[in-house]
Amino acid sequence: MQITQLVEQSGTPAATIKFYVRAGLLPAGERVGGNRTDYGEEHVHRLRLIRAMLEVGKLSISSVAAVLDALDTPGLPLAETFEIAQNALSRDVVPDISEPSGESVARVDGVVERAGWRHCGDNVGRRIVAQAVDAFAKAGHPLPDDYLDAYAAAAQRVAEADLTAVGRIADPVDRTELMVIGTVLGDTLSLGLRRMAQAHITSERYLS
């Protein structure tokens, strides 16, 4: 297909497509003579991935590039690709605020221990949760352990849903792609559902 067709199918302006090619996010089309360049369905698919990460996931260009590079690396273990996506999302979405206190880190480790989770010691989420615990305390609303444990239980259910969906896919490339996209877009999905759930519970408890 020519670039006009690629624009129509992907919903992406031609200037933006050319920018993604220059930035290394999108492979260049195939030159077939003169000024004509042909593109394939793989370009449509890649553009949809890029736009999802940029527009919904709110990742930076550099983070999208890192995620796509991981997806394009043959034989990269799923866990390593997943870690790259987690780090990219956390770097762009979570504010770069002060290091968490030792007390909050210890409290997070307690949550992890009570939940029976493993392989979490160097996960970026440990620092994020500890930062949030500090922020609640500084705002005058320290979080009790049962509140944190309830959040951990909810997070485990979400993670189980993520991995169940990934496990249903036989093709390893598609499986890896869903793991990455689910990581990038899952936070946005959780945010929207949490907002609606809060509205529902608030109406049941305080407006009825």
C-alpha atoms as a PDB file:
ATOM      1  CA  MET A   1       0.000   0.000   0.000  1.00  0.00           C
ATOM      2  CA  GLN A   2       1.083   3.592  -0.539  1.00  0.00           C
ATOM      3  CA  ILE A   3       1.395   6.127   2.248  1.00  0.00           C
ATOM      4  CA  THR A   4      -2.051   7.561   1.526  1.00  0.00           C
ATOM      5  CA  GLN A   5      -3.558   4.138   2.202  1.00  0.00           C
ATOM      6  CA  LEU A   6      -1.394   3.715   5.301  1.00  0.00           C
ATOM      7  CA  VAL A   7      -2.676   7.059   6.588  1.00  0.00           C
ATOM      8  CA  GLU A   8      -6.264   5.991   5.985  1.00  0.00           C
ATOM      9  CA  GLN A   9      -5.923   2.542   7.570  1.00  0.00           C
ATOM     10  CA  SER A  10      -3.915   3.618  10.585  1.00  0.00           C
ATOM     11  CA  GLY A  11      -5.522   7.000  11.208  1.00  0.00           C
ATOM     12  CA  THR A  12      -2.043   8.521  11.450  1.00  0.00           C
ATOM     13  CA  PRO A  13      -1.066  11.660   9.488  1.00  0.00           C
ATOM     14  CA  ALA A  14       1.669  11.258   6.879  1.00  0.00           C
ATOM     15  CA  ALA A  15       3.961  13.738   8.655  1.00  0.00           C
ATOM     16  CA  THR A  16       3.645  11.740  11.879  1.00  0.00           C
ATOM     17  CA  ILE A  17       4.418   8.491  10.063  1.00  0.00           C
ATOM     18  CA  LYS A  18       7.573  10.020   8.610  1.00  0.00           C
ATOM     19  CA  PHE A  19       8.563  11.288  12.060  1.00  0.00           C
ATOM     20  CA  TYR A  20       8.158   7.784  13.529  1.00  0.00           C
ATOM     21  CA  VAL A  21      10.394   6.419  10.756  1.00  0.00           C
ATOM     22  CA  ARG A  22      13.078   9.053  11.479  1.00  0.00           C
ATOM     23  CA  ALA A  23      12.816   8.321  15.220  1.00  0.00           C
ATOM     24  CA  GLY A  24      13.381   4.626  14.584  1.00  0.00           C
ATOM     25  CA  LEU A  25       9.970   3.566  15.882  1.00  0.00           C
ATOM     26  CA  LEU A  26       8.609   2.478  12.511  1.00  0.00           C
ATOM     27  CA  PRO A  27      10.541   0.556   9.826  1.00  0.00           C
ATOM     28  CA  ALA A  28      10.880   2.428   6.561  1.00  0.00           C
ATOM     29  CA  GLY A  29       8.732   1.309   3.662  1.00  0.00           C
ATOM     30  CA  GLU A  30      10.128  -0.431   0.606  1.00  0.00           C
ATOM     31  CA  ARG A  31      11.306   1.815  -2.200  1.00  0.00           C
ATOM     32  CA  VAL A  32       9.853   0.567  -5.481  1.00  0.00           C
ATOM     33  CA  GLY A  33      11.046   3.229  -7.866  1.00  0.00           C
ATOM     34  CA  GLY A  34      10.888   6.988  -8.167  1.00  0.00           C
ATOM     35  CA  ASN A  35       9.285   8.586  -5.128  1.00  0.00           C
ATOM     36  CA  ARG A  36       7.003   5.651  -4.438  1.00  0.00           C
ATOM     37  CA  THR A  37       7.298   3.735  -1.177  1.00  0.00           C
ATOM     38  CA  ASP A  38       5.251   0.667  -0.347  1.00  0.00           C
ATOM     39  CA  TYR A  39       4.053  -0.279   3.119  1.00  0.00           C
ATOM     40  CA  GLY A  40       2.529  -3.489   4.435  1.00  0.00           C
ATOM     41  CA  GLU A  41       0.096  -4.617   7.109  1.00  0.00           C
ATOM     42  CA  GLU A  42       3.003  -4.835   9.537  1.00  0.00           C
ATOM     43  CA  HIS A  43       3.301  -1.043   9.299  1.00  0.00           C
ATOM     44  CA  VAL A  44      -0.384  -0.624  10.143  1.00  0.00           C
ATOM     45  CA  HIS A  45       0.019  -2.908  13.133  1.00  0.00           C
ATOM     46  CA  ARG A  46       3.174  -1.164  14.360  1.00  0.00           C
ATOM     47  CA  LEU A  47       1.530   2.264  14.048  1.00  0.00           C
ATOM     48  CA  ARG A  48      -1.383   1.121  16.180  1.00  0.00           C
ATOM     49  CA  LEU A  49       1.047  -0.137  18.827  1.00  0.00           C
ATOM     50  CA  ILE A  50       2.987   3.124  18.794  1.00  0.00           C
ATOM     51  CA  ARG A  51      -0.111   5.277  19.103  1.00  0.00           C
ATOM     52  CA  ALA A  52      -1.513   3.136  21.898  1.00  0.00           C
ATOM     53  CA  MET A  53       1.680   3.537  23.898  1.00  0.00           C
ATOM     54  CA  LEU A  54       1.989   7.260  23.204  1.00  0.00           C
ATOM     55  CA  GLU A  55      -1.632   8.368  23.427  1.00  0.00           C
ATOM     56  CA  VAL A  56      -3.129   6.000  25.999  1.00  0.00           C
ATOM     57  CA  GLY A  57      -0.067   4.765  27.851  1.00  0.00           C
ATOM     58  CA  LYS A  58       1.440   8.293  27.866  1.00  0.00           C
ATOM     59  CA  LEU A  59       4.956   6.977  27.248  1.00  0.00           C
ATOM     60  CA  SER A  60       7.723   9.182  25.893  1.00  0.00           C
ATOM     61  CA  ILE A  61       9.252   8.580  22.475  1.00  0.00           C
ATOM     62  CA  SER A  62      12.418   7.195  24.074  1.00  0.00           C
ATOM     63  CA  SER A  63      10.425   4.756  26.236  1.00  0.00           C
ATOM     64  CA  VAL A  64       8.356   3.588  23.269  1.00  0.00           C
ATOM     65  CA  ALA A  65      11.607   3.007  21.398  1.00  0.00           C
ATOM     66  CA  ALA A  66      12.949   0.893  24.279  1.00  0.00           C
ATOM     67  CA  VAL A  67       9.780  -1.195  24.424  1.00  0.00           C
ATOM     68  CA  LEU A  68       9.692  -1.745  20.660  1.00  0.00           C
ATOM     69  CA  ASP A  69      13.379  -2.667  20.646  1.00  0.00           C
ATOM     70  CA  ALA A  70      12.635  -5.324  23.253  1.00  0.00           C
ATOM     71  CA  LEU A  71       9.743  -6.646  21.179  1.00  0.00           C
ATOM     72  CA  ASP A  72      11.965  -6.784  18.104  1.00  0.00           C
ATOM     73  CA  THR A  73      14.832  -8.631  19.804  1.00  0.00           C
ATOM     74  CA  PRO A  74      14.647 -12.317  18.820  1.00  0.00           C
ATOM     75  CA  GLY A  75      14.803 -14.787  21.687  1.00  0.00           C
ATOM     76  CA  LEU A  76      14.562 -12.208  24.469  1.00  0.00           C
ATOM     77  CA  PRO A  77      12.968 -13.938  27.477  1.00  0.00           C
ATOM     78  CA  LEU A  78       9.396 -12.887  28.238  1.00  0.00           C
ATOM     79  CA  ALA A  79      10.336 -11.867  31.778  1.00  0.00           C
ATOM     80  CA  GLU A  80      13.059  -9.532  30.499  1.00  0.00           C
ATOM     81  CA  THR A  81      10.754  -7.935  27.936  1.00  0.00           C
ATOM     82  CA  PHE A  82       8.148  -7.510  30.667  1.00  0.00           C
ATOM     83  CA  GLU A  83      10.691  -5.795  32.929  1.00  0.00           C
ATOM     84  CA  ILE A  84      11.639  -3.351  30.172  1.00  0.00           C
ATOM     85  CA  ALA A  85       7.976  -2.432  29.695  1.00  0.00           C
ATOM     86  CA  GLN A  86       7.444  -2.019  33.450  1.00  0.00           C
ATOM     87  CA  ASN A  87      10.459   0.245  33.795  1.00  0.00           C
ATOM     88  CA  ALA A  88       9.479   2.346  30.767  1.00  0.00           C
ATOM     89  CA  LEU A  89       5.959   2.861  32.054  1.00  0.00           C
ATOM     90  CA  SER A  90       7.118   3.671  35.567  1.00  0.00           C
ATOM     91  CA  ARG A  91       9.749   6.125  34.358  1.00  0.00           C
ATOM     92  CA  ASP A  92       7.192   8.127  32.368  1.00  0.00           C
ATOM     93  CA  VAL A  93       4.077   7.897  34.518  1.00  0.00           C
ATOM     94  CA  VAL A  94       5.431   8.032  38.084  1.00  0.00           C
ATOM     95  CA  PRO A  95       6.824  11.426  39.110  1.00  0.00           C
ATOM     96  CA  ASP A  96      10.504  11.525  39.916  1.00  0.00           C
ATOM     97  CA  ILE A  97      10.118  12.455  43.560  1.00  0.00           C
ATOM     98  CA  SER A  98      12.360  11.913  46.564  1.00  0.00           C
ATOM     99  CA  GLU A  99      13.594   8.481  47.537  1.00  0.00           C
ATOM    100  CA  PRO A 100      11.166   6.651  49.847  1.00  0.00           C
ATOM    101  CA  SER A 101      11.906   6.429  53.537  1.00  0.00           C
ATOM    102  CA  GLY A 102      13.379   3.265  54.994  1.00  0.00           C
ATOM    103  CA  GLU A 103      10.275   2.887  57.138  1.00  0.00           C
ATOM    104  CA  SER A 104       7.976   2.884  54.118  1.00  0.00           C
ATOM    105  CA  VAL A 105      10.192   0.445  52.232  1.00  0.00           C
ATOM    106  CA  ALA A 106      10.042  -1.873  55.253  1.00  0.00           C
ATOM    107  CA  ARG A 107       6.258  -1.580  55.319  1.00  0.00           C
ATOM    108  CA  VAL A 108       6.076  -2.482  51.633  1.00  0.00           C
ATOM    109  CA  ASP A 109       8.303  -5.489  52.268  1.00  0.00           C
ATOM    110  CA  GLY A 110       5.836  -6.488  54.979  1.00  0.00           C
ATOM    111  CA  VAL A 111       2.964  -6.304  52.505  1.00  0.00           C
ATOM    112  CA  VAL A 112       4.933  -8.485  50.089  1.00  0.00           C
ATOM    113  CA  GLU A 113       5.704 -11.009  52.814  1.00  0.00           C
ATOM    114  CA  ARG A 114       2.089 -11.230  54.003  1.00  0.00           C
ATOM    115  CA  ALA A 115       0.916 -11.636  50.404  1.00  0.00           C
ATOM    116  CA  GLY A 116       3.419 -14.459  49.856  1.00  0.00           C
ATOM    117  CA  TRP A 117       4.917 -12.789  46.794  1.00  0.00           C
ATOM    118  CA  ARG A 118       8.383 -13.683  45.488  1.00  0.00           C
ATOM    119  CA  HIS A 119      10.873 -12.045  43.115  1.00  0.00           C
ATOM    120  CA  CYS A 120       9.760  -8.537  44.113  1.00  0.00           C
ATOM    121  CA  GLY A 121      12.866  -7.227  45.878  1.00  0.00           C
ATOM    122  CA  ASP A 122      14.285  -5.307  42.920  1.00  0.00           C
ATOM    123  CA  ASN A 123      10.994  -4.605  41.146  1.00  0.00           C
ATOM    124  CA  VAL A 124      10.320  -0.941  40.374  1.00  0.00           C
ATOM    125  CA  GLY A 125       6.925  -1.270  42.066  1.00  0.00           C
ATOM    126  CA  ARG A 126       8.579  -1.550  45.485  1.00  0.00           C
ATOM    127  CA  ARG A 127       9.864   2.018  45.277  1.00  0.00           C
ATOM    128  CA  ILE A 128       6.605   3.323  43.793  1.00  0.00           C
ATOM    129  CA  VAL A 129       4.469   1.898  46.594  1.00  0.00           C
ATOM    130  CA  ALA A 130       6.876   3.135  49.253  1.00  0.00           C
ATOM    131  CA  GLN A 131       6.743   6.629  47.748  1.00  0.00           C
ATOM    132  CA  ALA A 132       2.948   6.512  47.890  1.00  0.00           C
ATOM    133  CA  VAL A 133       2.999   5.370  51.527  1.00  0.00           C
ATOM    134  CA  ASP A 134       5.268   8.312  52.376  1.00  0.00           C
ATOM    135  CA  ALA A 135       3.039  10.741  50.500  1.00  0.00           C
ATOM    136  CA  PHE A 136      -0.106   9.583  52.341  1.00  0.00           C
ATOM    137  CA  ALA A 137       1.673  10.018  55.682  1.00  0.00           C
ATOM    138  CA  LYS A 138       2.948  13.490  54.802  1.00  0.00           C
ATOM    139  CA  ALA A 139      -0.593  14.491  53.797  1.00  0.00           C
ATOM    140  CA  GLY A 140      -1.804  13.523  57.257  1.00  0.00           C
ATOM    141  CA  HIS A 141      -3.454  10.244  56.293  1.00  0.00           C
ATOM    142  CA  PRO A 142      -1.082   7.366  57.114  1.00  0.00           C
ATOM    143  CA  LEU A 143      -2.184   4.089  55.589  1.00  0.00           C
ATOM    144  CA  PRO A 144      -2.988   1.153  57.898  1.00  0.00           C
ATOM    145  CA  ASP A 145      -1.683  -2.291  57.028  1.00  0.00           C
ATOM    146  CA  ASP A 146      -5.131  -3.698  56.269  1.00  0.00           C
ATOM    147  CA  TYR A 147      -5.612  -0.982  53.634  1.00  0.00           C
ATOM    148  CA  LEU A 148      -2.311  -1.889  51.974  1.00  0.00           C
ATOM    149  CA  ASP A 149      -3.108  -5.601  52.179  1.00  0.00           C
ATOM    150  CA  ALA A 150      -6.477  -5.012  50.509  1.00  0.00           C
ATOM    151  CA  TYR A 151      -4.752  -3.193  47.672  1.00  0.00           C
ATOM    152  CA  ALA A 152      -2.235  -6.017  47.342  1.00  0.00           C
ATOM    153  CA  ALA A 153      -5.053  -8.574  47.114  1.00  0.00           C
ATOM    154  CA  ALA A 154      -6.755  -6.516  44.396  1.00  0.00           C
ATOM    155  CA  ALA A 155      -3.453  -6.127  42.535  1.00  0.00           C
ATOM    156  CA  GLN A 156      -2.928  -9.884  42.608  1.00  0.00           C
ATOM    157  CA  ARG A 157      -6.341 -10.471  41.040  1.00  0.00           C
ATOM    158  CA  VAL A 158      -5.518  -7.995  38.281  1.00  0.00           C
ATOM    159  CA  ALA A 159      -2.106  -9.618  37.706  1.00  0.00           C
ATOM    160  CA  GLU A 160      -3.741 -13.050  37.523  1.00  0.00           C
ATOM    161  CA  ALA A 161      -6.169 -11.722  34.899  1.00  0.00           C
ATOM    162  CA  ASP A 162      -3.218 -10.323  32.922  1.00  0.00           C
ATOM    163  CA  LEU A 163      -1.256 -13.558  32.960  1.00  0.00           C
ATOM    164  CA  THR A 164      -4.329 -15.693  32.241  1.00  0.00           C
ATOM    165  CA  ALA A 165      -4.961 -13.648  29.090  1.00  0.00           C
ATOM    166  CA  VAL A 166      -1.313 -13.999  28.063  1.00  0.00           C
ATOM    167  CA  GLY A 167      -1.384 -17.740  28.708  1.00  0.00           C
ATOM    168  CA  ARG A 168      -4.261 -18.230  26.271  1.00  0.00           C
ATOM    169  CA  ILE A 169      -2.076 -17.128  23.343  1.00  0.00           C
ATOM    170  CA  ALA A 170      -0.078 -19.855  21.631  1.00  0.00           C
ATOM    171  CA  ASP A 171       2.134 -17.717  19.408  1.00  0.00           C
ATOM    172  CA  PRO A 172       5.181 -16.566  21.441  1.00  0.00           C
ATOM    173  CA  VAL A 173       5.492 -13.273  19.540  1.00  0.00           C
ATOM    174  CA  ASP A 174       1.836 -12.387  20.121  1.00  0.00           C
ATOM    175  CA  ARG A 175       2.145 -13.511  23.749  1.00  0.00           C
ATOM    176  CA  THR A 176       5.087 -11.205  24.351  1.00  0.00           C
ATOM    177  CA  GLU A 177       3.339  -8.335  22.609  1.00  0.00           C
ATOM    178  CA  LEU A 178       0.223  -8.698  24.755  1.00  0.00           C
ATOM    179  CA  MET A 179       2.342  -8.823  27.905  1.00  0.00           C
ATOM    180  CA  VAL A 180       4.002  -5.547  26.936  1.00  0.00           C
ATOM    181  CA  ILE A 181       0.877  -3.763  25.733  1.00  0.00           C
ATOM    182  CA  GLY A 182      -1.061  -5.032  28.728  1.00  0.00           C
ATOM    183  CA  THR A 183       1.594  -3.583  30.997  1.00  0.00           C
ATOM    184  CA  VAL A 184       1.547  -0.219  29.243  1.00  0.00           C
ATOM    185  CA  LEU A 185      -2.222   0.112  28.884  1.00  0.00           C
ATOM    186  CA  GLY A 186      -3.300  -1.888  31.936  1.00  0.00           C
ATOM    187  CA  ASP A 187      -2.656   0.992  34.326  1.00  0.00           C
ATOM    188  CA  THR A 188      -4.994   3.194  32.298  1.00  0.00           C
ATOM    189  CA  LEU A 189      -7.593   0.421  32.264  1.00  0.00           C
ATOM    190  CA  SER A 190      -7.301  -0.024  36.027  1.00  0.00           C
ATOM    191  CA  LEU A 191      -7.575   3.718  36.583  1.00  0.00           C
ATOM    192  CA  GLY A 192     -10.831   4.000  34.651  1.00  0.00           C
ATOM    193  CA  LEU A 193     -12.409   0.977  36.318  1.00  0.00           C
ATOM    194  CA  ARG A 194     -11.326   2.179  39.770  1.00  0.00           C
ATOM    195  CA  ARG A 195     -12.955   5.563  39.166  1.00  0.00           C
ATOM    196  CA  MET A 196     -16.251   3.904  38.244  1.00  0.00           C
ATOM    197  CA  ALA A 197     -16.076   1.468  41.161  1.00  0.00           C
ATOM    198  CA  GLN A 198     -15.485   4.366  43.544  1.00  0.00           C
ATOM    199  CA  ALA A 199     -18.524   6.166  42.155  1.00  0.00           C
ATOM    200  CA  HIS A 200     -20.632   3.030  42.562  1.00  0.00           C
ATOM    201  CA  ILE A 201     -19.560   2.320  46.155  1.00  0.00           C
ATOM    202  CA  THR A 202     -19.894   5.982  47.121  1.00  0.00           C
ATOM    203  CA  SER A 203     -23.460   6.093  45.832  1.00  0.00           C
ATOM    204  CA  GLU A 204     -24.329   2.882  47.671  1.00  0.00           C
ATOM    205  CA  ARG A 205     -22.851   3.967  50.995  1.00  0.00           C
ATOM    206  CA  TYR A 206     -23.487   7.689  51.110  1.00  0.00           C
ATOM    207  CA  LEU A 207     -26.243   8.580  48.640  1.00  0.00           C
ATOM    208  CA  SER A 208     -28.825   5.864  49.245  1.00  0.00           C
END
